[in-house]
Amino acid sequence: MKAEVYRYRFDDDVSTEDIESALLLAIWGCESLHGESQTRLDAAHFFDPAKRACVIDARTEVGMDFNRLFVGFVSRELGPDAFRVERVAHHDQQLQETHA
């Protein structure tokens, strides 16, 4: 499994409804590719409307496809300058480094 987690931060003028719509479309796309059950298990994500931030766990094949679909939808709908995306260290990896 890949140790990749992506954090998206959206500009203030981007509506939370647009972000939620892109998340839903990405979920539906993953369900078409991997099935509803596998998507439910592996498309881990978190959206914080107050912080205008979304985190996607892309350590699985489903998660990576979910991330690709999501970034494609938000890029196309909102434009590439409406958000920033960065790779972040996974929580487990941070714990291992702390205890080493």
PDB file of N, CA and C in Angstrom:
ATOM      1  N   MET A   1       0.827  -1.178   0.000  1.00  0.00           N
ATOM      2  CA  MET A   1       0.000   0.000   0.000  1.00  0.00           C
ATOM      3  C   MET A   1       0.877   1.249   0.000  1.00  0.00           C
ATOM      4  N   LYS A   2       0.405   2.268  -0.687  1.00  0.00           N
ATOM      5  CA  LYS A   2       1.123   3.528  -0.737  1.00  0.00           C
ATOM      6  C   LYS A   2       0.842   4.328   0.529  1.00  0.00           C
ATOM      7  N   ALA A   3       1.843   5.020   0.992  1.00  0.00           N
ATOM      8  CA  ALA A   3       1.686   5.856   2.184  1.00  0.00           C
ATOM      9  C   ALA A   3       1.431   7.292   1.748  1.00  0.00           C
ATOM     10  N   GLU A   4       0.308   7.518   1.092  1.00  0.00           N
ATOM     11  CA  GLU A   4       0.023   8.843   0.569  1.00  0.00           C
ATOM     12  C   GLU A   4      -1.331   9.336   1.041  1.00  0.00           C
ATOM     13  N   VAL A   5      -1.308  10.524   1.588  1.00  0.00           N
ATOM     14  CA  VAL A   5      -2.517  11.220   1.997  1.00  0.00           C
ATOM     15  C   VAL A   5      -2.435  12.611   1.380  1.00  0.00           C
ATOM     16  N   TYR A   6      -3.548  13.091   0.838  1.00  0.00           N
ATOM     17  CA  TYR A   6      -3.573  14.388   0.168  1.00  0.00           C
ATOM     18  C   TYR A   6      -4.495  15.341   0.912  1.00  0.00           C
ATOM     19  N   ARG A   7      -4.025  16.576   1.104  1.00  0.00           N
ATOM     20  CA  ARG A   7      -4.838  17.616   1.737  1.00  0.00           C
ATOM     21  C   ARG A   7      -5.135  18.694   0.706  1.00  0.00           C
ATOM     22  N   TYR A   8      -6.406  18.994   0.565  1.00  0.00           N
ATOM     23  CA  TYR A   8      -6.869  20.055  -0.325  1.00  0.00           C
ATOM     24  C   TYR A   8      -7.350  21.222   0.525  1.00  0.00           C
ATOM     25  N   ARG A   9      -6.947  22.436   0.141  1.00  0.00           N
ATOM     26  CA  ARG A   9      -7.439  23.654   0.788  1.00  0.00           C
ATOM     27  C   ARG A   9      -8.042  24.529  -0.311  1.00  0.00           C
ATOM     28  N   PHE A  10      -9.249  24.996  -0.048  1.00  0.00           N
ATOM     29  CA  PHE A  10      -9.998  25.737  -1.060  1.00  0.00           C
ATOM     30  C   PHE A  10     -10.078  27.218  -0.720  1.00  0.00           C
ATOM     31  N   ASP A  11     -10.094  28.045  -1.768  1.00  0.00           N
ATOM     32  CA  ASP A  11     -10.221  29.489  -1.593  1.00  0.00           C
ATOM     33  C   ASP A  11     -11.571  29.821  -0.961  1.00  0.00           C
ATOM     34  N   ASP A  12     -11.642  30.985  -0.335  1.00  0.00           N
ATOM     35  CA  ASP A  12     -12.857  31.397   0.370  1.00  0.00           C
ATOM     36  C   ASP A  12     -14.064  31.562  -0.546  1.00  0.00           C
ATOM     37  N   ASP A  13     -13.835  31.869  -1.809  1.00  0.00           N
ATOM     38  CA  ASP A  13     -14.967  32.078  -2.713  1.00  0.00           C
ATOM     39  C   ASP A  13     -15.523  30.780  -3.305  1.00  0.00           C
ATOM     40  N   VAL A  14     -14.942  29.643  -2.971  1.00  0.00           N
ATOM     41  CA  VAL A  14     -15.447  28.342  -3.435  1.00  0.00           C
ATOM     42  C   VAL A  14     -16.534  27.875  -2.474  1.00  0.00           C
ATOM     43  N   SER A  15     -17.699  27.548  -3.004  1.00  0.00           N
ATOM     44  CA  SER A  15     -18.802  27.117  -2.137  1.00  0.00           C
ATOM     45  C   SER A  15     -18.565  25.692  -1.634  1.00  0.00           C
ATOM     46  N   THR A  16     -18.970  25.459  -0.404  1.00  0.00           N
ATOM     47  CA  THR A  16     -18.827  24.114   0.162  1.00  0.00           C
ATOM     48  C   THR A  16     -19.696  23.121  -0.603  1.00  0.00           C
ATOM     49  N   GLU A  17     -20.797  23.600  -1.172  1.00  0.00           N
ATOM     50  CA  GLU A  17     -21.659  22.724  -1.967  1.00  0.00           C
ATOM     51  C   GLU A  17     -20.923  22.194  -3.194  1.00  0.00           C
ATOM     52  N   ASP A  18     -20.106  23.038  -3.816  1.00  0.00           N
ATOM     53  CA  ASP A  18     -19.328  22.593  -4.979  1.00  0.00           C
ATOM     54  C   ASP A  18     -18.301  21.530  -4.582  1.00  0.00           C
ATOM     55  N   ILE A  19     -17.689  21.708  -3.422  1.00  0.00           N
ATOM     56  CA  ILE A  19     -16.713  20.727  -2.940  1.00  0.00           C
ATOM     57  C   ILE A  19     -17.414  19.409  -2.630  1.00  0.00           C
ATOM     58  N   GLU A  20     -18.544  19.490  -1.932  1.00  0.00           N
ATOM     59  CA  GLU A  20     -19.297  18.281  -1.596  1.00  0.00           C
ATOM     60  C   GLU A  20     -19.798  17.568  -2.848  1.00  0.00           C
ATOM     61  N   SER A  21     -20.201  18.337  -3.860  1.00  0.00           N
ATOM     62  CA  SER A  21     -20.646  17.736  -5.122  1.00  0.00           C
ATOM     63  C   SER A  21     -19.512  16.975  -5.804  1.00  0.00           C
ATOM     64  N   ALA A  22     -18.320  17.560  -5.796  1.00  0.00           N
ATOM     65  CA  ALA A  22     -17.162  16.886  -6.394  1.00  0.00           C
ATOM     66  C   ALA A  22     -16.827  15.609  -5.630  1.00  0.00           C
ATOM     67  N   LEU A  23     -16.936  15.647  -4.298  1.00  0.00           N
ATOM     68  CA  LEU A  23     -16.707  14.437  -3.500  1.00  0.00           C
ATOM     69  C   LEU A  23     -17.711  13.352  -3.867  1.00  0.00           C
ATOM     70  N   LEU A  24     -18.971  13.729  -3.991  1.00  0.00           N
ATOM     71  CA  LEU A  24     -20.008  12.756  -4.334  1.00  0.00           C
ATOM     72  C   LEU A  24     -19.781  12.162  -5.725  1.00  0.00           C
ATOM     73  N   LEU A  25     -19.444  12.994  -6.685  1.00  0.00           N
ATOM     74  CA  LEU A  25     -19.155  12.485  -8.032  1.00  0.00           C
ATOM     75  C   LEU A  25     -17.971  11.524  -8.017  1.00  0.00           C
ATOM     76  N   ALA A  26     -16.946  11.846  -7.237  1.00  0.00           N
ATOM     77  CA  ALA A  26     -15.776  10.965  -7.142  1.00  0.00           C
ATOM     78  C   ALA A  26     -16.148   9.638  -6.491  1.00  0.00           C
ATOM     79  N   ILE A  27     -17.006   9.673  -5.475  1.00  0.00           N
ATOM     80  CA  ILE A  27     -17.487   8.434  -4.843  1.00  0.00           C
ATOM     81  C   ILE A  27     -18.238   7.592  -5.862  1.00  0.00           C
ATOM     82  N   TRP A  28     -19.144   8.213  -6.594  1.00  0.00           N
ATOM     83  CA  TRP A  28     -19.906   7.464  -7.606  1.00  0.00           C
ATOM     84  C   TRP A  28     -18.989   6.880  -8.676  1.00  0.00           C
ATOM     85  N   GLY A  29     -17.979   7.635  -9.069  1.00  0.00           N
ATOM     86  CA  GLY A  29     -17.019   7.117 -10.040  1.00  0.00           C
ATOM     87  C   GLY A  29     -16.276   5.905  -9.507  1.00  0.00           C
ATOM     88  N   CYS A  30     -15.869   5.967  -8.253  1.00  0.00           N
ATOM     89  CA  CYS A  30     -15.182   4.823  -7.625  1.00  0.00           C
ATOM     90  C   CYS A  30     -16.103   3.620  -7.525  1.00  0.00           C
ATOM     91  N   GLU A  31     -17.366   3.869  -7.203  1.00  0.00           N
ATOM     92  CA  GLU A  31     -18.315   2.757  -7.128  1.00  0.00           C
ATOM     93  C   GLU A  31     -18.471   2.081  -8.483  1.00  0.00           C
ATOM     94  N   SER A  32     -18.427   2.856  -9.555  1.00  0.00           N
ATOM     95  CA  SER A  32     -18.508   2.271 -10.898  1.00  0.00           C
ATOM     96  C   SER A  32     -17.289   1.417 -11.206  1.00  0.00           C
ATOM     97  N   LEU A  33     -16.129   1.841 -10.728  1.00  0.00           N
ATOM     98  CA  LEU A  33     -14.887   1.112 -10.984  1.00  0.00           C
ATOM     99  C   LEU A  33     -14.675  -0.076 -10.052  1.00  0.00           C
ATOM    100  N   HIS A  34     -15.000   0.098  -8.767  1.00  0.00           N
ATOM    101  CA  HIS A  34     -14.611  -0.887  -7.752  1.00  0.00           C
ATOM    102  C   HIS A  34     -15.777  -1.520  -7.000  1.00  0.00           C
ATOM    103  N   GLY A  35     -16.982  -1.047  -7.238  1.00  0.00           N
ATOM    104  CA  GLY A  35     -18.140  -1.560  -6.514  1.00  0.00           C
ATOM    105  C   GLY A  35     -18.408  -0.744  -5.256  1.00  0.00           C
ATOM    106  N   GLU A  36     -19.665  -0.779  -4.824  1.00  0.00           N
ATOM    107  CA  GLU A  36     -20.081   0.027  -3.676  1.00  0.00           C
ATOM    108  C   GLU A  36     -19.385  -0.397  -2.387  1.00  0.00           C
ATOM    109  N   SER A  37     -19.309  -1.693  -2.144  1.00  0.00           N
ATOM    110  CA  SER A  37     -18.720  -2.170  -0.886  1.00  0.00           C
ATOM    111  C   SER A  37     -17.244  -1.820  -0.773  1.00  0.00           C
ATOM    112  N   GLN A  38     -16.482  -2.082  -1.825  1.00  0.00           N
ATOM    113  CA  GLN A  38     -15.048  -1.795  -1.772  1.00  0.00           C
ATOM    114  C   GLN A  38     -14.789  -0.296  -1.657  1.00  0.00           C
ATOM    115  N   THR A  39     -15.606   0.496  -2.329  1.00  0.00           N
ATOM    116  CA  THR A  39     -15.466   1.948  -2.223  1.00  0.00           C
ATOM    117  C   THR A  39     -15.751   2.406  -0.803  1.00  0.00           C
ATOM    118  N   ARG A  40     -16.773   1.831  -0.211  1.00  0.00           N
ATOM    119  CA  ARG A  40     -17.110   2.196   1.170  1.00  0.00           C
ATOM    120  C   ARG A  40     -15.961   1.866   2.125  1.00  0.00           C
ATOM    121  N   LEU A  41     -15.285   0.773   1.864  1.00  0.00           N
ATOM    122  CA  LEU A  41     -14.173   0.358   2.717  1.00  0.00           C
ATOM    123  C   LEU A  41     -12.904   1.179   2.488  1.00  0.00           C
ATOM    124  N   ASP A  42     -12.629   1.534   1.241  1.00  0.00           N
ATOM    125  CA  ASP A  42     -11.302   2.061   0.900  1.00  0.00           C
ATOM    126  C   ASP A  42     -11.234   3.519   0.448  1.00  0.00           C
ATOM    127  N   ALA A  43     -12.358   4.185   0.262  1.00  0.00           N
ATOM    128  CA  ALA A  43     -12.321   5.589  -0.184  1.00  0.00           C
ATOM    129  C   ALA A  43     -12.416   6.512   1.032  1.00  0.00           C
ATOM    130  N   ALA A  44     -11.421   6.424   1.898  1.00  0.00           N
ATOM    131  CA  ALA A  44     -11.426   7.202   3.140  1.00  0.00           C
ATOM    132  C   ALA A  44     -11.132   8.673   2.848  1.00  0.00           C
ATOM    133  N   HIS A  45     -11.962   9.530   3.426  1.00  0.00           N
ATOM    134  CA  HIS A  45     -11.778  10.963   3.237  1.00  0.00           C
ATOM    135  C   HIS A  45     -12.443  11.722   4.383  1.00  0.00           C
ATOM    136  N   PHE A  46     -12.080  12.981   4.515  1.00  0.00           N
ATOM    137  CA  PHE A  46     -12.662  13.853   5.528  1.00  0.00           C
ATOM    138  C   PHE A  46     -12.772  15.250   4.946  1.00  0.00           C
ATOM    139  N   PHE A  47     -13.940  15.862   5.097  1.00  0.00           N
ATOM    140  CA  PHE A  47     -14.149  17.227   4.625  1.00  0.00           C
ATOM    141  C   PHE A  47     -14.551  18.095   5.808  1.00  0.00           C
ATOM    142  N   ASP A  48     -13.814  19.173   6.017  1.00  0.00           N
ATOM    143  CA  ASP A  48     -14.106  20.132   7.083  1.00  0.00           C
ATOM    144  C   ASP A  48     -14.560  21.434   6.430  1.00  0.00           C
ATOM    145  N   PRO A  49     -15.883  21.662   6.373  1.00  0.00           N
ATOM    146  CA  PRO A  49     -16.377  22.870   5.706  1.00  0.00           C
ATOM    147  C   PRO A  49     -15.888  24.165   6.359  1.00  0.00           C
ATOM    148  N   ALA A  50     -15.757  24.172   7.680  1.00  0.00           N
ATOM    149  CA  ALA A  50     -15.324  25.382   8.377  1.00  0.00           C
ATOM    150  C   ALA A  50     -13.900  25.781   7.986  1.00  0.00           C
ATOM    151  N   LYS A  51     -13.043  24.794   7.793  1.00  0.00           N
ATOM    152  CA  LYS A  51     -11.650  25.067   7.409  1.00  0.00           C
ATOM    153  C   LYS A  51     -11.449  25.057   5.901  1.00  0.00           C
ATOM    154  N   ARG A  52     -12.526  24.706   5.168  1.00  0.00           N
ATOM    155  CA  ARG A  52     -12.459  24.631   3.708  1.00  0.00           C
ATOM    156  C   ARG A  52     -11.329  23.700   3.280  1.00  0.00           C
ATOM    157  N   ALA A  53     -11.271  22.547   3.951  1.00  0.00           N
ATOM    158  CA  ALA A  53     -10.201  21.579   3.704  1.00  0.00           C
ATOM    159  C   ALA A  53     -10.782  20.181   3.560  1.00  0.00           C
ATOM    160  N   CYS A  54     -10.137  19.397   2.730  1.00  0.00           N
ATOM    161  CA  CYS A  54     -10.532  18.014   2.501  1.00  0.00           C
ATOM    162  C   CYS A  54      -9.263  17.164   2.510  1.00  0.00           C
ATOM    163  N   VAL A  55      -9.330  16.020   3.171  1.00  0.00           N
ATOM    164  CA  VAL A  55      -8.203  15.091   3.220  1.00  0.00           C
ATOM    165  C   VAL A  55      -8.655  13.773   2.609  1.00  0.00           C
ATOM    166  N   ILE A  56      -7.847  13.235   1.716  1.00  0.00           N
ATOM    167  CA  ILE A  56      -8.145  11.962   1.058  1.00  0.00           C
ATOM    168  C   ILE A  56      -6.991  11.000   1.297  1.00  0.00           C
ATOM    169  N   ASP A  57      -7.332   9.823   1.788  1.00  0.00           N
ATOM    170  CA  ASP A  57      -6.359   8.758   2.023  1.00  0.00           C
ATOM    171  C   ASP A  57      -6.238   7.946   0.734  1.00  0.00           C
ATOM    172  N   ALA A  58      -5.093   8.039   0.081  1.00  0.00           N
ATOM    173  CA  ALA A  58      -4.884   7.378  -1.210  1.00  0.00           C
ATOM    174  C   ALA A  58      -3.908   6.210  -1.099  1.00  0.00           C
ATOM    175  N   ARG A  59      -3.933   5.509   0.026  1.00  0.00           N
ATOM    176  CA  ARG A  59      -3.009   4.385   0.217  1.00  0.00           C
ATOM    177  C   ARG A  59      -3.475   3.112  -0.473  1.00  0.00           C
ATOM    178  N   THR A  60      -4.719   3.069  -0.900  1.00  0.00           N
ATOM    179  CA  THR A  60      -5.236   1.887  -1.594  1.00  0.00           C
ATOM    180  C   THR A  60      -5.509   2.248  -3.055  1.00  0.00           C
ATOM    181  N   GLU A  61      -5.741   1.248  -3.869  1.00  0.00           N
ATOM    182  CA  GLU A  61      -6.079   1.492  -5.272  1.00  0.00           C
ATOM    183  C   GLU A  61      -7.365   2.308  -5.381  1.00  0.00           C
ATOM    184  N   VAL A  62      -8.353   1.962  -4.557  1.00  0.00           N
ATOM    185  CA  VAL A  62      -9.618   2.705  -4.555  1.00  0.00           C
ATOM    186  C   VAL A  62      -9.372   4.151  -4.126  1.00  0.00           C
ATOM    187  N   GLY A  63      -8.596   4.329  -3.067  1.00  0.00           N
ATOM    188  CA  GLY A  63      -8.293   5.675  -2.588  1.00  0.00           C
ATOM    189  C   GLY A  63      -7.559   6.507  -3.623  1.00  0.00           C
ATOM    190  N   MET A  64      -6.642   5.898  -4.350  1.00  0.00           N
ATOM    191  CA  MET A  64      -5.909   6.614  -5.389  1.00  0.00           C
ATOM    192  C   MET A  64      -6.852   7.015  -6.528  1.00  0.00           C
ATOM    193  N   ASP A  65      -7.739   6.093  -6.933  1.00  0.00           N
ATOM    194  CA  ASP A  65      -8.714   6.440  -7.969  1.00  0.00           C
ATOM    195  C   ASP A  65      -9.657   7.538  -7.487  1.00  0.00           C
ATOM    196  N   PHE A  66     -10.088   7.460  -6.233  1.00  0.00           N
ATOM    197  CA  PHE A  66     -10.951   8.488  -5.650  1.00  0.00           C
ATOM    198  C   PHE A  66     -10.253   9.851  -5.687  1.00  0.00           C
ATOM    199  N   ASN A  67      -8.988   9.872  -5.323  1.00  0.00           N
ATOM    200  CA  ASN A  67      -8.212  11.110  -5.347  1.00  0.00           C
ATOM    201  C   ASN A  67      -8.088  11.656  -6.768  1.00  0.00           C
ATOM    202  N   ARG A  68      -7.808  10.792  -7.719  1.00  0.00           N
ATOM    203  CA  ARG A  68      -7.677  11.227  -9.118  1.00  0.00           C
ATOM    204  C   ARG A  68      -8.986  11.803  -9.643  1.00  0.00           C
ATOM    205  N   LEU A  69     -10.086  11.120  -9.345  1.00  0.00           N
ATOM    206  CA  LEU A  69     -11.391  11.608  -9.788  1.00  0.00           C
ATOM    207  C   LEU A  69     -11.710  12.953  -9.140  1.00  0.00           C
ATOM    208  N   PHE A  70     -11.475  13.056  -7.838  1.00  0.00           N
ATOM    209  CA  PHE A  70     -11.786  14.294  -7.122  1.00  0.00           C
ATOM    210  C   PHE A  70     -10.985  15.471  -7.672  1.00  0.00           C
ATOM    211  N   VAL A  71      -9.674  15.305  -7.825  1.00  0.00           N
ATOM    212  CA  VAL A  71      -8.865  16.422  -8.321  1.00  0.00           C
ATOM    213  C   VAL A  71      -9.266  16.782  -9.750  1.00  0.00           C
ATOM    214  N   GLY A  72      -9.658  15.798 -10.536  1.00  0.00           N
ATOM    215  CA  GLY A  72     -10.134  16.085 -11.884  1.00  0.00           C
ATOM    216  C   GLY A  72     -11.419  16.894 -11.881  1.00  0.00           C
ATOM    217  N   PHE A  73     -12.360  16.514 -11.023  1.00  0.00           N
ATOM    218  CA  PHE A  73     -13.633  17.236 -10.950  1.00  0.00           C
ATOM    219  C   PHE A  73     -13.445  18.663 -10.435  1.00  0.00           C
ATOM    220  N   VAL A  74     -12.673  18.846  -9.365  1.00  0.00           N
ATOM    221  CA  VAL A  74     -12.512  20.211  -8.837  1.00  0.00           C
ATOM    222  C   VAL A  74     -11.692  21.080  -9.791  1.00  0.00           C
ATOM    223  N   SER A  75     -10.720  20.504 -10.472  1.00  0.00           N
ATOM    224  CA  SER A  75      -9.937  21.280 -11.445  1.00  0.00           C
ATOM    225  C   SER A  75     -10.815  21.763 -12.584  1.00  0.00           C
ATOM    226  N   ARG A  76     -11.647  20.873 -13.070  1.00  0.00           N
ATOM    227  CA  ARG A  76     -12.503  21.214 -14.204  1.00  0.00           C
ATOM    228  C   ARG A  76     -13.609  22.189 -13.806  1.00  0.00           C
ATOM    229  N   GLU A  77     -14.240  21.949 -12.668  1.00  0.00           N
ATOM    230  CA  GLU A  77     -15.383  22.755 -12.247  1.00  0.00           C
ATOM    231  C   GLU A  77     -14.968  24.100 -11.649  1.00  0.00           C
ATOM    232  N   LEU A  78     -13.936  24.103 -10.813  1.00  0.00           N
ATOM    233  CA  LEU A  78     -13.562  25.305 -10.070  1.00  0.00           C
ATOM    234  C   LEU A  78     -12.361  26.028 -10.659  1.00  0.00           C
ATOM    235  N   GLY A  79     -11.580  25.309 -11.442  1.00  0.00           N
ATOM    236  CA  GLY A  79     -10.353  25.871 -11.996  1.00  0.00           C
ATOM    237  C   GLY A  79      -9.156  25.494 -11.141  1.00  0.00           C
ATOM    238  N   PRO A  80      -8.000  25.368 -11.757  1.00  0.00           N
ATOM    239  CA  PRO A  80      -6.812  24.893 -11.036  1.00  0.00           C
ATOM    240  C   PRO A  80      -6.291  25.866  -9.977  1.00  0.00           C
ATOM    241  N   ASP A  81      -6.720  27.117 -10.021  1.00  0.00           N
ATOM    242  CA  ASP A  81      -6.233  28.099  -9.049  1.00  0.00           C
ATOM    243  C   ASP A  81      -7.171  28.285  -7.861  1.00  0.00           C
ATOM    244  N   ALA A  82      -8.264  27.535  -7.809  1.00  0.00           N
ATOM    245  CA  ALA A  82      -9.255  27.678  -6.735  1.00  0.00           C
ATOM    246  C   ALA A  82      -8.905  26.860  -5.500  1.00  0.00           C
ATOM    247  N   PHE A  83      -7.856  26.053  -5.604  1.00  0.00           N
ATOM    248  CA  PHE A  83      -7.481  25.201  -4.475  1.00  0.00           C
ATOM    249  C   PHE A  83      -5.988  24.910  -4.522  1.00  0.00           C
ATOM    250  N   ARG A  84      -5.496  24.418  -3.395  1.00  0.00           N
ATOM    251  CA  ARG A  84      -4.120  23.950  -3.289  1.00  0.00           C
ATOM    252  C   ARG A  84      -4.168  22.514  -2.787  1.00  0.00           C
ATOM    253  N   VAL A  85      -3.264  21.702  -3.267  1.00  0.00           N
ATOM    254  CA  VAL A  85      -3.205  20.307  -2.823  1.00  0.00           C
ATOM    255  C   VAL A  85      -1.769  19.992  -2.432  1.00  0.00           C
ATOM    256  N   GLU A  86      -1.643  19.213  -1.362  1.00  0.00           N
ATOM    257  CA  GLU A  86      -0.306  18.814  -0.912  1.00  0.00           C
ATOM    258  C   GLU A  86      -0.356  17.388  -0.383  1.00  0.00           C
ATOM    259  N   ARG A  87       0.761  16.693  -0.527  1.00  0.00           N
ATOM    260  CA  ARG A  87       0.901  15.377   0.101  1.00  0.00           C
ATOM    261  C   ARG A  87       1.261  15.608   1.558  1.00  0.00           C
ATOM    262  N   VAL A  88       0.662  14.821   2.420  1.00  0.00           N
ATOM    263  CA  VAL A  88       0.984  14.923   3.843  1.00  0.00           C
ATOM    264  C   VAL A  88       1.377  13.556   4.359  1.00  0.00           C
ATOM    265  N   ALA A  89       2.189  13.554   5.384  1.00  0.00           N
ATOM    266  CA  ALA A  89       2.618  12.289   5.985  1.00  0.00           C
ATOM    267  C   ALA A  89       1.427  11.632   6.656  1.00  0.00           C
ATOM    268  N   HIS A  90       1.350  10.339   6.531  1.00  0.00           N
ATOM    269  CA  HIS A  90       0.289   9.567   7.168  1.00  0.00           C
ATOM    270  C   HIS A  90       0.530   9.524   8.672  1.00  0.00           C
ATOM    271  N   HIS A  91      -0.538   9.529   9.447  1.00  0.00           N
ATOM    272  CA  HIS A  91      -0.463   9.551  10.912  1.00  0.00           C
ATOM    273  C   HIS A  91       0.401   8.419  11.463  1.00  0.00           C
ATOM    274  N   ASP A  92       0.237   7.200  10.960  1.00  0.00           N
ATOM    275  CA  ASP A  92       1.026   6.063  11.445  1.00  0.00           C
ATOM    276  C   ASP A  92       2.514   6.280  11.197  1.00  0.00           C
ATOM    277  N   GLN A  93       2.850   6.833  10.056  1.00  0.00           N
ATOM    278  CA  GLN A  93       4.248   7.093   9.727  1.00  0.00           C
ATOM    279  C   GLN A  93       4.822   8.127  10.692  1.00  0.00           C
ATOM    280  N   GLN A  94       4.045   9.146  11.039  1.00  0.00           N
ATOM    281  CA  GLN A  94       4.501  10.152  11.987  1.00  0.00           C
ATOM    282  C   GLN A  94       4.739   9.537  13.355  1.00  0.00           C
ATOM    283  N   LEU A  95       3.863   8.622  13.770  1.00  0.00           N
ATOM    284  CA  LEU A  95       4.036   7.967  15.060  1.00  0.00           C
ATOM    285  C   LEU A  95       5.321   7.148  15.086  1.00  0.00           C
ATOM    286  N   GLN A  96       5.599   6.419  14.002  1.00  0.00           N
ATOM    287  CA  GLN A  96       6.807   5.601  13.944  1.00  0.00           C
ATOM    288  C   GLN A  96       8.049   6.475  14.031  1.00  0.00           C
ATOM    289  N   GLU A  97       8.040   7.609  13.343  1.00  0.00           N
ATOM    290  CA  GLU A  97       9.193   8.497  13.368  1.00  0.00           C
ATOM    291  C   GLU A  97       9.376   9.115  14.750  1.00  0.00           C
ATOM    292  N   THR A  98       8.290   9.376  15.444  1.00  0.00           N
ATOM    293  CA  THR A  98       8.364   9.977  16.774  1.00  0.00           C
ATOM    294  C   THR A  98       8.960   9.017  17.784  1.00  0.00           C
ATOM    295  N   HIS A  99       8.627   7.735  17.655  1.00  0.00           N
ATOM    296  CA  HIS A  99       9.085   6.733  18.614  1.00  0.00           C
ATOM    297  C   HIS A  99      10.424   6.109  18.244  1.00  0.00           C
ATOM    298  N   ALA A 100      10.982   6.473  17.124  1.00  0.00           N
ATOM    299  CA  ALA A 100      12.260   5.881  16.692  1.00  0.00           C
ATOM    300  C   ALA A 100      13.431   6.457  17.447  1.00  0.00           C
TER     301      ALA A 100
END
